[in-house]
Every structure is written in structure tokens, then in C-alpha cells.
Amino acid sequence: MIDSHNSLKYEYEVTGIELDTLVDISLKQEGFIGSRMTGAGFGGCSVSIVKEDKVDDFIKNVGKLYEESIGYLPSFYVANISCGAKKLS
């Protein structure tokens, strides 16, 4: 995921200070697995994979550090992995 983000940052130049800051801060968090921008770029969102028992700390720490760096709080949406596609009965 980090290589993908860096490709979008350096090769396609479609990230920005907000997204790069969010990913850079995420890299330093305990329980962090991966992060990259998602969507159309030039702002928008990043998606991060974080160990389940570290999600609350991740949100608290990233939110605080992001606000200190950028000047406003980010929003977080927690998603869970489902069982995937299956036949409904």
C-alpha cells in the first residue's frame, strides 16, 4: 500500500499535502499495516489498514498529529471486513 501511495505521489503527482501528511503520520502508528490515498486524488481520502485492537489509538493519535500539522481535524470512518460475496437464501 505504501508503494502504491508513493507511486501516486511521485509518478502521477495526484496527492497533496493533506494526503501525504495523513499517510506519513499513519506510518508511525503502532498497529499500522498499510495506507494509501484513495479516490480521485488532489484531496479526498486515504485508506489505512490497522490492527483491530489499535484502531481507537490510531484515530486519536493520527487526529491529534494531523490537526497540529494541517490545522484542522480529519474525519475517520471505521470499516470492517465482511465474509465477502455469497449466495443469499
C-alpha atoms as a PDB file:
ATOM      1  CA  MET A   1       0.000   0.000   0.000  1.00  0.00           C
ATOM      2  CA  ILE A   2       2.818   2.397   0.779  1.00  0.00           C
ATOM      3  CA  ASP A   3       4.467   1.743  -2.590  1.00  0.00           C
ATOM      4  CA  SER A   4       1.120   2.396  -4.261  1.00  0.00           C
ATOM      5  CA  HIS A   5       0.733   5.694  -2.404  1.00  0.00           C
ATOM      6  CA  ASN A   6       4.283   6.714  -3.254  1.00  0.00           C
ATOM      7  CA  SER A   7       3.654   5.918  -6.913  1.00  0.00           C
ATOM      8  CA  LEU A   8       0.577   8.148  -6.865  1.00  0.00           C
ATOM      9  CA  LYS A   9       2.615  10.830  -5.078  1.00  0.00           C
ATOM     10  CA  TYR A  10       5.809  10.798  -7.154  1.00  0.00           C
ATOM     11  CA  GLU A  11       4.911   9.295 -10.541  1.00  0.00           C
ATOM     12  CA  TYR A  12       1.390  10.641 -11.042  1.00  0.00           C
ATOM     13  CA  GLU A  13       1.606  13.659  -8.714  1.00  0.00           C
ATOM     14  CA  VAL A  14      -2.050  13.348  -7.664  1.00  0.00           C
ATOM     15  CA  THR A  15      -1.661  13.544  -3.886  1.00  0.00           C
ATOM     16  CA  GLY A  16      -1.386  16.699  -1.829  1.00  0.00           C
ATOM     17  CA  ILE A  17      -0.045  17.911   1.488  1.00  0.00           C
ATOM     18  CA  GLU A  18      -3.129  16.690   3.353  1.00  0.00           C
ATOM     19  CA  LEU A  19      -2.994  13.140   1.994  1.00  0.00           C
ATOM     20  CA  ASP A  20       0.772  12.884   2.262  1.00  0.00           C
ATOM     21  CA  THR A  21       0.652  14.121   5.859  1.00  0.00           C
ATOM     22  CA  LEU A  22      -2.086  11.638   6.730  1.00  0.00           C
ATOM     23  CA  VAL A  23      -0.133   8.712   5.276  1.00  0.00           C
ATOM     24  CA  ASP A  24       3.171   9.875   6.818  1.00  0.00           C
ATOM     25  CA  ILE A  25       1.603  10.146  10.282  1.00  0.00           C
ATOM     26  CA  SER A  26      -0.108   6.775   9.851  1.00  0.00           C
ATOM     27  CA  LEU A  27       3.230   5.096   9.090  1.00  0.00           C
ATOM     28  CA  LYS A  28       4.445   5.879  12.600  1.00  0.00           C
ATOM     29  CA  GLN A  29       1.471   4.399  14.477  1.00  0.00           C
ATOM     30  CA  GLU A  30       1.504   1.173  16.468  1.00  0.00           C
ATOM     31  CA  GLY A  31      -0.708  -1.454  14.852  1.00  0.00           C
ATOM     32  CA  PHE A  32      -0.424   0.185  11.431  1.00  0.00           C
ATOM     33  CA  ILE A  33      -0.264  -2.213   8.484  1.00  0.00           C
ATOM     34  CA  GLY A  34      -0.671  -0.063   5.360  1.00  0.00           C
ATOM     35  CA  SER A  35      -2.086   3.183   3.973  1.00  0.00           C
ATOM     36  CA  ARG A  36      -2.577   4.941   0.649  1.00  0.00           C
ATOM     37  CA  MET A  37      -4.720   7.599  -0.918  1.00  0.00           C
ATOM     38  CA  THR A  38      -7.999   6.500  -2.413  1.00  0.00           C
ATOM     39  CA  GLY A  39     -10.469   8.189  -4.715  1.00  0.00           C
ATOM     40  CA  ALA A  40      -9.674  10.782  -7.338  1.00  0.00           C
ATOM     41  CA  GLY A  41      -6.721  12.419  -5.592  1.00  0.00           C
ATOM     42  CA  PHE A  42      -5.996  16.096  -5.016  1.00  0.00           C
ATOM     43  CA  GLY A  43      -7.512  15.941  -1.520  1.00  0.00           C
ATOM     44  CA  GLY A  44     -10.008  13.285  -0.622  1.00  0.00           C
ATOM     45  CA  CYS A  45      -9.278  10.239   1.482  1.00  0.00           C
ATOM     46  CA  SER A  46      -6.722   7.706   2.485  1.00  0.00           C
ATOM     47  CA  VAL A  47      -7.466   4.143   3.437  1.00  0.00           C
ATOM     48  CA  SER A  48      -5.438   2.567   6.226  1.00  0.00           C
ATOM     49  CA  ILE A  49      -5.286  -0.973   7.491  1.00  0.00           C
ATOM     50  CA  VAL A  50      -4.815  -1.051  11.249  1.00  0.00           C
ATOM     51  CA  LYS A  51      -4.829  -3.918  13.722  1.00  0.00           C
ATOM     52  CA  GLU A  52      -8.265  -4.069  15.330  1.00  0.00           C
ATOM     53  CA  ASP A  53      -7.048  -3.558  18.892  1.00  0.00           C
ATOM     54  CA  LYS A  54      -5.192  -0.379  17.847  1.00  0.00           C
ATOM     55  CA  VAL A  55      -7.946   1.396  15.882  1.00  0.00           C
ATOM     56  CA  ASP A  56      -9.012   3.738  18.709  1.00  0.00           C
ATOM     57  CA  ASP A  57      -5.415   4.751  19.453  1.00  0.00           C
ATOM     58  CA  PHE A  58      -4.761   5.194  15.728  1.00  0.00           C
ATOM     59  CA  ILE A  59      -7.720   7.572  15.366  1.00  0.00           C
ATOM     60  CA  LYS A  60      -6.768   9.543  18.477  1.00  0.00           C
ATOM     61  CA  ASN A  61      -3.073   9.847  17.619  1.00  0.00           C
ATOM     62  CA  VAL A  62      -3.433  10.484  13.892  1.00  0.00           C
ATOM     63  CA  GLY A  63      -6.223  13.001  14.508  1.00  0.00           C
ATOM     64  CA  LYS A  64      -4.126  14.949  17.026  1.00  0.00           C
ATOM     65  CA  LEU A  65      -0.939  14.962  14.937  1.00  0.00           C
ATOM     66  CA  TYR A  66      -2.812  15.789  11.732  1.00  0.00           C
ATOM     67  CA  GLU A  67      -4.585  18.736  13.362  1.00  0.00           C
ATOM     68  CA  GLU A  68      -1.259  20.017  14.736  1.00  0.00           C
ATOM     69  CA  SER A  69       0.296  19.787  11.266  1.00  0.00           C
ATOM     70  CA  ILE A  70      -2.543  20.846   8.951  1.00  0.00           C
ATOM     71  CA  GLY A  71      -4.686  22.989  11.238  1.00  0.00           C
ATOM     72  CA  TYR A  72      -7.970  21.081  11.318  1.00  0.00           C
ATOM     73  CA  LEU A  73      -9.219  17.651  12.364  1.00  0.00           C
ATOM     74  CA  PRO A  74      -9.589  14.826   9.861  1.00  0.00           C
ATOM     75  CA  SER A  75     -12.668  12.595   9.736  1.00  0.00           C
ATOM     76  CA  PHE A  76     -12.422   8.850  10.262  1.00  0.00           C
ATOM     77  CA  TYR A  77     -14.701   6.059   9.074  1.00  0.00           C
ATOM     78  CA  VAL A  78     -14.130   2.601  10.514  1.00  0.00           C
ATOM     79  CA  ALA A  79     -14.983  -0.276   8.197  1.00  0.00           C
ATOM     80  CA  ASN A  80     -14.919  -3.974   8.978  1.00  0.00           C
ATOM     81  CA  ILE A  81     -14.109  -6.843   6.697  1.00  0.00           C
ATOM     82  CA  SER A  82     -17.163  -8.917   5.838  1.00  0.00           C
ATOM     83  CA  CYS A  83     -17.476 -12.514   4.739  1.00  0.00           C
ATOM     84  CA  GLY A  84     -17.424 -11.407   1.101  1.00  0.00           C
ATOM     85  CA  ALA A  85     -19.813 -12.323  -1.684  1.00  0.00           C
ATOM     86  CA  LYS A  86     -22.110 -15.260  -1.030  1.00  0.00           C
ATOM     87  CA  LYS A  87     -25.446 -16.672  -2.103  1.00  0.00           C
ATOM     88  CA  LEU A  88     -28.348 -15.245  -0.150  1.00  0.00           C
ATOM     89  CA  SER A  89     -31.073 -17.604   0.969  1.00  0.00           C
END
